[in-house]
Amino acid sequence: MEVWVVGHKAPDTDSICSAIAYAEFCNLLKKYEATPGRAGEINRETKFVLEKFGFEVPELLENASGKNLILVDHN
């Protein structure tokens, strides 16, 4: 099953990194075919962290209709 792992609408560093990490964890377990995503634009801090450690910015998920989601960093 294909799933998107996304955080909240105003993604900060922990929201983006949580999505990347949990998607990778799911893929390693071969539980889901997981793709990290984001629900909004990243800030400068997050951009710096991703560049520093060599990660791509997750794809913007503009419409989640009909998609399987795993939500991270939500209250």
Protein backbone atom coordinates (compact mmCIF):
# COMPACT_ATOMS: atom_id res chain seq x y z
CA MET A 1 0.00 0.00 0.00
CA GLU A 2 1.29 3.46 -0.88
CA VAL A 3 1.10 6.08 1.90
CA TRP A 4 2.17 9.67 2.38
CA VAL A 5 3.72 10.71 5.70
CA VAL A 6 3.00 14.37 6.44
CA GLY A 7 3.13 16.85 9.30
CA HIS A 8 1.08 19.95 10.00
CA LYS A 9 0.21 22.85 7.67
CA ALA A 10 2.98 25.19 8.87
CA PRO A 11 5.84 22.70 8.75
CA ASP A 12 8.82 23.37 10.99
CA THR A 13 11.98 21.33 11.30
CA ASP A 14 10.54 18.62 13.56
CA SER A 15 7.48 18.21 11.35
CA ILE A 16 9.54 17.73 8.19
CA CYS A 17 12.19 15.54 9.84
CA SER A 18 9.48 13.40 11.45
CA ALA A 19 7.88 12.80 8.06
CA ILE A 20 11.22 11.87 6.47
CA ALA A 21 12.25 9.60 9.35
CA TYR A 22 8.94 7.77 9.68
CA ALA A 23 8.63 7.23 5.93
CA GLU A 24 12.12 5.72 5.92
CA PHE A 25 11.22 3.53 8.92
CA CYS A 26 8.10 2.22 7.13
CA ASN A 27 10.12 1.52 4.00
CA LEU A 28 12.82 -0.34 5.95
CA LEU A 29 10.17 -2.53 7.60
CA LYS A 30 8.59 -3.05 4.18
CA LYS A 31 5.26 -2.33 5.87
CA TYR A 32 4.25 0.42 3.43
CA GLU A 33 5.63 2.12 0.37
CA ALA A 34 5.92 5.44 2.19
CA THR A 35 6.70 8.86 0.77
CA PRO A 36 7.49 11.84 3.00
CA GLY A 37 5.49 14.92 2.18
CA ARG A 38 4.79 18.40 3.46
CA ALA A 39 1.58 20.37 3.83
CA GLY A 40 3.11 23.83 3.40
CA GLU A 41 6.27 25.79 2.67
CA ILE A 42 9.36 25.09 4.75
CA ASN A 43 11.10 27.79 6.76
CA ARG A 44 14.77 28.88 6.57
CA GLU A 45 15.83 26.73 9.53
CA THR A 46 14.36 23.60 7.98
CA LYS A 47 15.95 24.40 4.61
CA PHE A 48 19.33 24.79 6.34
CA VAL A 49 19.00 21.47 8.21
CA LEU A 50 17.97 19.54 5.11
CA GLU A 51 20.83 21.00 3.05
CA LYS A 52 23.36 20.43 5.86
CA PHE A 53 22.53 16.73 6.09
CA GLY A 54 21.89 16.11 2.40
CA PHE A 55 18.13 15.54 2.36
CA GLU A 56 15.70 16.62 -0.34
CA VAL A 57 12.76 18.84 0.57
CA PRO A 58 9.70 16.54 0.68
CA GLU A 59 7.13 17.02 -2.04
CA LEU A 60 4.28 19.44 -1.34
CA LEU A 61 1.04 17.51 -0.92
CA GLU A 62 -1.53 20.05 -2.07
CA ASN A 63 -4.50 17.71 -2.21
CA ALA A 64 -4.76 14.63 -0.01
CA SER A 65 -8.10 13.45 -1.40
CA GLY A 66 -8.05 9.71 -2.01
CA LYS A 67 -4.55 9.28 -0.60
CA ASN A 68 -3.52 7.10 2.34
CA LEU A 69 -1.94 9.29 5.02
CA ILE A 70 0.12 8.86 8.15
CA LEU A 71 0.12 12.07 10.18
CA VAL A 72 3.16 13.00 12.28
CA ASP A 73 3.81 15.93 14.63
CA HIS A 74 0.09 16.66 15.18
CA ASN A 75 -1.66 17.40 18.46
